[in-house]
Amino acid sequence: MTQEILWLILIGIVAWIVVWLVTREIGTPKLHGLQKEVNLRLTYKRYTQIYPGTNITYEQYKKMQAQHAYRKAVSSTKIKRMVR
């Protein structure tokens, strides 16, 4: 009888942990491409505060900023193809 109660308690704890992990994963804000590009104007410190789930280094962040700036500076017609 005591073992059955202990097993039920153990199963309840495991179930609670699984539910907690699933809800934590569902509740995290997802990064959408457009939001991420707009937020590249932020400083690295502020970017990591807003998006704590991103594991990006300072050098990678600067590289993304440079690529974003290039895309904004050069028109899409010059990047992609010749236009009539």
PDB file of N, CA and C in Angstrom:
ATOM      1  N   MET A   1       0.818  -1.195   0.000  1.00  0.00           N
ATOM      2  CA  MET A   1       0.000   0.000   0.000  1.00  0.00           C
ATOM      3  C   MET A   1       0.863   1.261   0.000  1.00  0.00           C
ATOM      4  N   THR A   2       1.887   1.270   0.830  1.00  0.00           N
ATOM      5  CA  THR A   2       2.773   2.423   0.918  1.00  0.00           C
ATOM      6  C   THR A   2       3.554   2.603  -0.383  1.00  0.00           C
ATOM      7  N   GLN A   3       3.969   1.483  -0.978  1.00  0.00           N
ATOM      8  CA  GLN A   3       4.707   1.571  -2.241  1.00  0.00           C
ATOM      9  C   GLN A   3       3.822   2.120  -3.352  1.00  0.00           C
ATOM     10  N   GLU A   4       2.557   1.740  -3.372  1.00  0.00           N
ATOM     11  CA  GLU A   4       1.641   2.250  -4.383  1.00  0.00           C
ATOM     12  C   GLU A   4       1.477   3.768  -4.250  1.00  0.00           C
ATOM     13  N   ILE A   5       1.389   4.245  -3.054  1.00  0.00           N
ATOM     14  CA  ILE A   5       1.254   5.686  -2.828  1.00  0.00           C
ATOM     15  C   ILE A   5       2.522   6.411  -3.265  1.00  0.00           C
ATOM     16  N   LEU A   6       3.688   5.851  -2.939  1.00  0.00           N
ATOM     17  CA  LEU A   6       4.948   6.464  -3.359  1.00  0.00           C
ATOM     18  C   LEU A   6       5.067   6.488  -4.882  1.00  0.00           C
ATOM     19  N   TRP A   7       4.657   5.400  -5.558  1.00  0.00           N
ATOM     20  CA  TRP A   7       4.696   5.367  -7.022  1.00  0.00           C
ATOM     21  C   TRP A   7       3.758   6.424  -7.602  1.00  0.00           C
ATOM     22  N   LEU A   8       2.578   6.569  -7.031  1.00  0.00           N
ATOM     23  CA  LEU A   8       1.639   7.584  -7.516  1.00  0.00           C
ATOM     24  C   LEU A   8       2.194   8.994  -7.325  1.00  0.00           C
ATOM     25  N   ILE A   9       2.841   9.227  -6.206  1.00  0.00           N
ATOM     26  CA  ILE A   9       3.465  10.535  -5.966  1.00  0.00           C
ATOM     27  C   ILE A   9       4.583  10.779  -6.971  1.00  0.00           C
ATOM     28  N   LEU A  10       5.408   9.770  -7.221  1.00  0.00           N
ATOM     29  CA  LEU A  10       6.504   9.898  -8.183  1.00  0.00           C
ATOM     30  C   LEU A  10       5.970  10.163  -9.585  1.00  0.00           C
ATOM     31  N   ILE A  11       4.933   9.430  -9.983  1.00  0.00           N
ATOM     32  CA  ILE A  11       4.330   9.642 -11.308  1.00  0.00           C
ATOM     33  C   ILE A  11       3.733  11.048 -11.396  1.00  0.00           C
ATOM     34  N   GLY A  12       3.117  11.513 -10.322  1.00  0.00           N
ATOM     35  CA  GLY A  12       2.559  12.867 -10.310  1.00  0.00           C
ATOM     36  C   GLY A  12       3.627  13.933 -10.451  1.00  0.00           C
ATOM     37  N   ILE A  13       4.752  13.741  -9.782  1.00  0.00           N
ATOM     38  CA  ILE A  13       5.851  14.709  -9.879  1.00  0.00           C
ATOM     39  C   ILE A  13       6.421  14.729 -11.290  1.00  0.00           C
ATOM     40  N   VAL A  14       6.626  13.548 -11.876  1.00  0.00           N
ATOM     41  CA  VAL A  14       7.158  13.476 -13.249  1.00  0.00           C
ATOM     42  C   VAL A  14       6.174  14.129 -14.219  1.00  0.00           C
ATOM     43  N   ALA A  15       4.889  13.855 -14.075  1.00  0.00           N
ATOM     44  CA  ALA A  15       3.883  14.459 -14.950  1.00  0.00           C
ATOM     45  C   ALA A  15       3.880  15.979 -14.796  1.00  0.00           C
ATOM     46  N   TRP A  16       4.006  16.467 -13.566  1.00  0.00           N
ATOM     47  CA  TRP A  16       4.028  17.902 -13.346  1.00  0.00           C
ATOM     48  C   TRP A  16       5.242  18.541 -14.022  1.00  0.00           C
ATOM     49  N   ILE A  17       6.402  17.886 -13.943  1.00  0.00           N
ATOM     50  CA  ILE A  17       7.611  18.418 -14.587  1.00  0.00           C
ATOM     51  C   ILE A  17       7.443  18.453 -16.092  1.00  0.00           C
ATOM     52  N   VAL A  18       6.873  17.403 -16.661  1.00  0.00           N
ATOM     53  CA  VAL A  18       6.663  17.369 -18.118  1.00  0.00           C
ATOM     54  C   VAL A  18       5.708  18.480 -18.546  1.00  0.00           C
ATOM     55  N   VAL A  19       4.633  18.659 -17.831  1.00  0.00           N
ATOM     56  CA  VAL A  19       3.683  19.726 -18.163  1.00  0.00           C
ATOM     57  C   VAL A  19       4.338  21.090 -18.027  1.00  0.00           C
ATOM     58  N   TRP A  20       5.130  21.277 -16.995  1.00  0.00           N
ATOM     59  CA  TRP A  20       5.818  22.552 -16.795  1.00  0.00           C
ATOM     60  C   TRP A  20       6.783  22.841 -17.938  1.00  0.00           C
ATOM     61  N   LEU A  21       7.542  21.839 -18.386  1.00  0.00           N
ATOM     62  CA  LEU A  21       8.485  22.034 -19.486  1.00  0.00           C
ATOM     63  C   LEU A  21       7.766  22.351 -20.793  1.00  0.00           C
ATOM     64  N   VAL A  22       6.672  21.663 -21.050  1.00  0.00           N
ATOM     65  CA  VAL A  22       5.916  21.912 -22.283  1.00  0.00           C
ATOM     66  C   VAL A  22       5.318  23.314 -22.278  1.00  0.00           C
ATOM     67  N   THR A  23       4.724  23.728 -21.177  1.00  0.00           N
ATOM     68  CA  THR A  23       4.139  25.069 -21.140  1.00  0.00           C
ATOM     69  C   THR A  23       5.205  26.156 -21.195  1.00  0.00           C
ATOM     70  N   ARG A  24       6.367  25.887 -20.641  1.00  0.00           N
ATOM     71  CA  ARG A  24       7.445  26.868 -20.718  1.00  0.00           C
ATOM     72  C   ARG A  24       7.916  27.033 -22.158  1.00  0.00           C
ATOM     73  N   GLU A  25       7.994  25.936 -22.897  1.00  0.00           N
ATOM     74  CA  GLU A  25       8.429  25.997 -24.295  1.00  0.00           C
ATOM     75  C   GLU A  25       7.376  26.693 -25.156  1.00  0.00           C
ATOM     76  N   ILE A  26       6.121  26.415 -24.927  1.00  0.00           N
ATOM     77  CA  ILE A  26       5.048  27.037 -25.706  1.00  0.00           C
ATOM     78  C   ILE A  26       4.950  28.529 -25.396  1.00  0.00           C
ATOM     79  N   GLY A  27       5.186  28.913 -24.159  1.00  0.00           N
ATOM     80  CA  GLY A  27       5.008  30.292 -23.741  1.00  0.00           C
ATOM     81  C   GLY A  27       6.119  31.237 -24.155  1.00  0.00           C
ATOM     82  N   THR A  28       7.257  30.725 -24.652  1.00  0.00           N
ATOM     83  CA  THR A  28       8.356  31.611 -25.026  1.00  0.00           C
ATOM     84  C   THR A  28       8.026  32.328 -26.322  1.00  0.00           C
ATOM     85  N   PRO A  29       8.351  33.603 -26.415  1.00  0.00           N
ATOM     86  CA  PRO A  29       8.075  34.326 -27.652  1.00  0.00           C
ATOM     87  C   PRO A  29       8.998  33.840 -28.768  1.00  0.00           C
ATOM     88  N   LYS A  30       8.424  33.681 -29.939  1.00  0.00           N
ATOM     89  CA  LYS A  30       9.190  33.207 -31.086  1.00  0.00           C
ATOM     90  C   LYS A  30       9.732  34.402 -31.862  1.00  0.00           C
ATOM     91  N   LEU A  31      10.904  34.228 -32.421  1.00  0.00           N
ATOM     92  CA  LEU A  31      11.491  35.288 -33.236  1.00  0.00           C
ATOM     93  C   LEU A  31      10.991  35.151 -34.666  1.00  0.00           C
ATOM     94  N   HIS A  32      10.346  36.166 -35.155  1.00  0.00           N
ATOM     95  CA  HIS A  32       9.947  36.199 -36.547  1.00  0.00           C
ATOM     96  C   HIS A  32      11.011  36.980 -37.303  1.00  0.00           C
ATOM     97  N   GLY A  33      11.218  36.626 -38.555  1.00  0.00           N
ATOM     98  CA  GLY A  33      12.274  37.244 -39.339  1.00  0.00           C
ATOM     99  C   GLY A  33      12.197  38.753 -39.386  1.00  0.00           C
ATOM    100  N   LEU A  34      11.006  39.286 -39.608  1.00  0.00           N
ATOM    101  CA  LEU A  34      10.853  40.735 -39.719  1.00  0.00           C
ATOM    102  C   LEU A  34      11.167  41.421 -38.395  1.00  0.00           C
ATOM    103  N   GLN A  35      10.667  40.878 -37.306  1.00  0.00           N
ATOM    104  CA  GLN A  35      10.945  41.471 -36.004  1.00  0.00           C
ATOM    105  C   GLN A  35      12.436  41.451 -35.717  1.00  0.00           C
ATOM    106  N   LYS A  36      13.082  40.357 -36.068  1.00  0.00           N
ATOM    107  CA  LYS A  36      14.504  40.223 -35.799  1.00  0.00           C
ATOM    108  C   LYS A  36      15.297  41.264 -36.588  1.00  0.00           C
ATOM    109  N   GLU A  37      14.925  41.481 -37.855  1.00  0.00           N
ATOM    110  CA  GLU A  37      15.650  42.456 -38.674  1.00  0.00           C
ATOM    111  C   GLU A  37      15.433  43.874 -38.162  1.00  0.00           C
ATOM    112  N   VAL A  38      14.226  44.187 -37.760  1.00  0.00           N
ATOM    113  CA  VAL A  38      13.946  45.524 -37.246  1.00  0.00           C
ATOM    114  C   VAL A  38      14.733  45.752 -35.961  1.00  0.00           C
ATOM    115  N   ASN A  39      14.824  44.731 -35.127  1.00  0.00           N
ATOM    116  CA  ASN A  39      15.488  44.869 -33.843  1.00  0.00           C
ATOM    117  C   ASN A  39      17.008  44.845 -33.952  1.00  0.00           C
ATOM    118  N   LEU A  40      17.559  44.699 -35.147  1.00  0.00           N
ATOM    119  CA  LEU A  40      19.014  44.739 -35.299  1.00  0.00           C
ATOM    120  C   LEU A  40      19.553  46.151 -35.108  1.00  0.00           C
ATOM    121  N   ARG A  41      18.688  47.127 -34.999  1.00  0.00           N
ATOM    122  CA  ARG A  41      19.149  48.484 -34.683  1.00  0.00           C
ATOM    123  C   ARG A  41      19.486  48.628 -33.215  1.00  0.00           C
ATOM    124  N   LEU A  42      19.071  47.669 -32.407  1.00  0.00           N
ATOM    125  CA  LEU A  42      19.326  47.723 -30.971  1.00  0.00           C
ATOM    126  C   LEU A  42      20.790  47.443 -30.664  1.00  0.00           C
ATOM    127  N   THR A  43      21.212  47.838 -29.499  1.00  0.00           N
ATOM    128  CA  THR A  43      22.548  47.452 -29.046  1.00  0.00           C
ATOM    129  C   THR A  43      22.521  45.977 -28.678  1.00  0.00           C
ATOM    130  N   TYR A  44      23.683  45.357 -28.647  1.00  0.00           N
ATOM    131  CA  TYR A  44      23.779  43.927 -28.343  1.00  0.00           C
ATOM    132  C   TYR A  44      23.209  43.624 -26.960  1.00  0.00           C
ATOM    133  N   LYS A  45      23.507  44.478 -25.997  1.00  0.00           N
ATOM    134  CA  LYS A  45      23.027  44.259 -24.626  1.00  0.00           C
ATOM    135  C   LYS A  45      21.505  44.283 -24.576  1.00  0.00           C
ATOM    136  N   ARG A  46      20.905  45.260 -25.238  1.00  0.00           N
ATOM    137  CA  ARG A  46      19.451  45.380 -25.233  1.00  0.00           C
ATOM    138  C   ARG A  46      18.812  44.222 -26.007  1.00  0.00           C
ATOM    139  N   TYR A  47      19.443  43.810 -27.103  1.00  0.00           N
ATOM    140  CA  TYR A  47      18.944  42.691 -27.909  1.00  0.00           C
ATOM    141  C   TYR A  47      18.903  41.409 -27.079  1.00  0.00           C
ATOM    142  N   THR A  48      19.945  41.160 -26.290  1.00  0.00           N
ATOM    143  CA  THR A  48      19.977  39.955 -25.463  1.00  0.00           C
ATOM    144  C   THR A  48      18.987  40.056 -24.301  1.00  0.00           C
ATOM    145  N   GLN A  49      18.671  41.267 -23.861  1.00  0.00           N
ATOM    146  CA  GLN A  49      17.657  41.425 -22.818  1.00  0.00           C
ATOM    147  C   GLN A  49      16.260  41.129 -23.355  1.00  0.00           C
ATOM    148  N   ILE A  50      15.986  41.581 -24.572  1.00  0.00           N
ATOM    149  CA  ILE A  50      14.670  41.367 -25.159  1.00  0.00           C
ATOM    150  C   ILE A  50      14.495  39.915 -25.581  1.00  0.00           C
ATOM    151  N   TYR A  51      15.542  39.315 -26.145  1.00  0.00           N
ATOM    152  CA  TYR A  51      15.492  37.931 -26.625  1.00  0.00           C
ATOM    153  C   TYR A  51      16.493  37.080 -25.843  1.00  0.00           C
ATOM    154  N   PRO A  52      16.167  36.713 -24.616  1.00  0.00           N
ATOM    155  CA  PRO A  52      17.123  35.951 -23.805  1.00  0.00           C
ATOM    156  C   PRO A  52      17.366  34.537 -24.326  1.00  0.00           C
ATOM    157  N   GLY A  53      16.492  34.031 -25.170  1.00  0.00           N
ATOM    158  CA  GLY A  53      16.649  32.671 -25.687  1.00  0.00           C
ATOM    159  C   GLY A  53      17.678  32.549 -26.798  1.00  0.00           C
ATOM    160  N   THR A  54      18.130  33.664 -27.346  1.00  0.00           N
ATOM    161  CA  THR A  54      19.105  33.590 -28.432  1.00  0.00           C
ATOM    162  C   THR A  54      20.510  33.427 -27.868  1.00  0.00           C
ATOM    163  N   ASN A  55      21.211  32.468 -28.412  1.00  0.00           N
ATOM    164  CA  ASN A  55      22.597  32.239 -27.999  1.00  0.00           C
ATOM    165  C   ASN A  55      23.507  32.736 -29.110  1.00  0.00           C
ATOM    166  N   ILE A  56      23.622  34.038 -29.224  1.00  0.00           N
ATOM    167  CA  ILE A  56      24.415  34.642 -30.285  1.00  0.00           C
ATOM    168  C   ILE A  56      25.535  35.448 -29.650  1.00  0.00           C
ATOM    169  N   THR A  57      26.705  35.357 -30.240  1.00  0.00           N
ATOM    170  CA  THR A  57      27.838  36.106 -29.711  1.00  0.00           C
ATOM    171  C   THR A  57      27.800  37.538 -30.231  1.00  0.00           C
ATOM    172  N   TYR A  58      28.621  38.374 -29.632  1.00  0.00           N
ATOM    173  CA  TYR A  58      28.682  39.771 -30.042  1.00  0.00           C
ATOM    174  C   TYR A  58      29.163  39.886 -31.489  1.00  0.00           C
ATOM    175  N   GLU A  59      30.148  39.071 -31.875  1.00  0.00           N
ATOM    176  CA  GLU A  59      30.678  39.115 -33.238  1.00  0.00           C
ATOM    177  C   GLU A  59      29.617  38.694 -34.250  1.00  0.00           C
ATOM    178  N   GLN A  60      28.839  37.653 -33.930  1.00  0.00           N
ATOM    179  CA  GLN A  60      27.770  37.220 -34.825  1.00  0.00           C
ATOM    180  C   GLN A  60      26.701  38.298 -34.955  1.00  0.00           C
ATOM    181  N   TYR A  61      26.404  38.967 -33.858  1.00  0.00           N
ATOM    182  CA  TYR A  61      25.400  40.024 -33.887  1.00  0.00           C
ATOM    183  C   TYR A  61      25.869  41.184 -34.768  1.00  0.00           C
ATOM    184  N   LYS A  62      27.128  41.562 -34.640  1.00  0.00           N
ATOM    185  CA  LYS A  62      27.663  42.644 -35.472  1.00  0.00           C
ATOM    186  C   LYS A  62      27.644  42.256 -36.948  1.00  0.00           C
ATOM    187  N   LYS A  63      27.929  40.985 -37.235  1.00  0.00           N
ATOM    188  CA  LYS A  63      27.900  40.515 -38.625  1.00  0.00           C
ATOM    189  C   LYS A  63      26.475  40.591 -39.182  1.00  0.00           C
ATOM    190  N   MET A  64      25.488  40.198 -38.369  1.00  0.00           N
ATOM    191  CA  MET A  64      24.090  40.300 -38.799  1.00  0.00           C
ATOM    192  C   MET A  64      23.701  41.748 -39.036  1.00  0.00           C
ATOM    193  N   GLN A  65      24.162  42.651 -38.168  1.00  0.00           N
ATOM    194  CA  GLN A  65      23.870  44.067 -38.357  1.00  0.00           C
ATOM    195  C   GLN A  65      24.468  44.576 -39.665  1.00  0.00           C
ATOM    196  N   ALA A  66      25.695  44.168 -39.963  1.00  0.00           N
ATOM    197  CA  ALA A  66      26.352  44.617 -41.192  1.00  0.00           C
ATOM    198  C   ALA A  66      25.610  44.095 -42.419  1.00  0.00           C
ATOM    199  N   GLN A  67      25.195  42.842 -42.402  1.00  0.00           N
ATOM    200  CA  GLN A  67      24.444  42.288 -43.529  1.00  0.00           C
ATOM    201  C   GLN A  67      23.115  43.015 -43.710  1.00  0.00           C
ATOM    202  N   HIS A  68      22.464  43.322 -42.608  1.00  0.00           N
ATOM    203  CA  HIS A  68      21.188  44.033 -42.661  1.00  0.00           C
ATOM    204  C   HIS A  68      21.388  45.439 -43.221  1.00  0.00           C
ATOM    205  N   ALA A  69      22.439  46.094 -42.801  1.00  0.00           N
ATOM    206  CA  ALA A  69      22.721  47.448 -43.294  1.00  0.00           C
ATOM    207  C   ALA A  69      23.016  47.417 -44.790  1.00  0.00           C
ATOM    208  N   TYR A  70      23.722  46.390 -45.251  1.00  0.00           N
ATOM    209  CA  TYR A  70      24.026  46.270 -46.686  1.00  0.00           C
ATOM    210  C   TYR A  70      22.738  46.073 -47.472  1.00  0.00           C
ATOM    211  N   ARG A  71      21.850  45.237 -46.977  1.00  0.00           N
ATOM    212  CA  ARG A  71      20.592  45.004 -47.673  1.00  0.00           C
ATOM    213  C   ARG A  71      19.757  46.276 -47.749  1.00  0.00           C
ATOM    214  N   LYS A  72      19.823  47.093 -46.701  1.00  0.00           N
ATOM    215  CA  LYS A  72      19.062  48.338 -46.712  1.00  0.00           C
ATOM    216  C   LYS A  72      19.714  49.387 -47.621  1.00  0.00           C
ATOM    217  N   ALA A  73      21.044  49.385 -47.696  1.00  0.00           N
ATOM    218  CA  ALA A  73      21.756  50.419 -48.450  1.00  0.00           C
ATOM    219  C   ALA A  73      21.705  50.170 -49.955  1.00  0.00           C
ATOM    220  N   VAL A  74      21.779  48.900 -50.361  1.00  0.00           N
ATOM    221  CA  VAL A  74      21.800  48.570 -51.780  1.00  0.00           C
ATOM    222  C   VAL A  74      20.405  48.129 -52.183  1.00  0.00           C
ATOM    223  N   SER A  75      19.901  48.668 -53.277  1.00  0.00           N
ATOM    224  CA  SER A  75      18.532  48.340 -53.676  1.00  0.00           C
ATOM    225  C   SER A  75      18.438  46.875 -54.089  1.00  0.00           C
ATOM    226  N   SER A  76      17.246  46.329 -53.947  1.00  0.00           N
ATOM    227  CA  SER A  76      17.040  44.913 -54.258  1.00  0.00           C
ATOM    228  C   SER A  76      17.248  44.622 -55.733  1.00  0.00           C
ATOM    229  N   THR A  77      17.033  45.606 -56.593  1.00  0.00           N
ATOM    230  CA  THR A  77      17.230  45.369 -58.025  1.00  0.00           C
ATOM    231  C   THR A  77      18.703  45.166 -58.343  1.00  0.00           C
ATOM    232  N   LYS A  78      19.585  45.815 -57.629  1.00  0.00           N
ATOM    233  CA  LYS A  78      21.018  45.640 -57.866  1.00  0.00           C
ATOM    234  C   LYS A  78      21.539  44.334 -57.248  1.00  0.00           C
ATOM    235  N   ILE A  79      20.941  43.913 -56.172  1.00  0.00           N
ATOM    236  CA  ILE A  79      21.396  42.687 -55.524  1.00  0.00           C
ATOM    237  C   ILE A  79      20.957  41.455 -56.302  1.00  0.00           C
ATOM    238  N   LYS A  80      19.694  41.375 -56.691  1.00  0.00           N
ATOM    239  CA  LYS A  80      19.138  40.163 -57.212  1.00  0.00           C
ATOM    240  C   LYS A  80      19.375  39.957 -58.712  1.00  0.00           C
ATOM    241  N   ARG A  81      19.036  40.944 -59.547  1.00  0.00           N
ATOM    242  CA  ARG A  81      19.091  40.720 -60.980  1.00  0.00           C
ATOM    243  C   ARG A  81      19.087  42.045 -61.720  1.00  0.00           C
ATOM    244  N   MET A  82      19.297  41.960 -62.998  1.00  0.00           N
ATOM    245  CA  MET A  82      19.223  43.138 -63.846  1.00  0.00           C
ATOM    246  C   MET A  82      17.750  43.437 -64.125  1.00  0.00           C
ATOM    247  N   VAL A  83      17.428  44.703 -64.218  1.00  0.00           N
ATOM    248  CA  VAL A  83      16.057  45.103 -64.489  1.00  0.00           C
ATOM    249  C   VAL A  83      16.032  45.764 -65.856  1.00  0.00           C
ATOM    250  N   ARG A  84      14.951  45.571 -66.595  1.00  0.00           N
ATOM    251  CA  ARG A  84      14.855  46.187 -67.933  1.00  0.00           C
ATOM    252  C   ARG A  84      14.927  47.689 -67.862  1.00  0.00           C
TER     253      ARG A  84
END
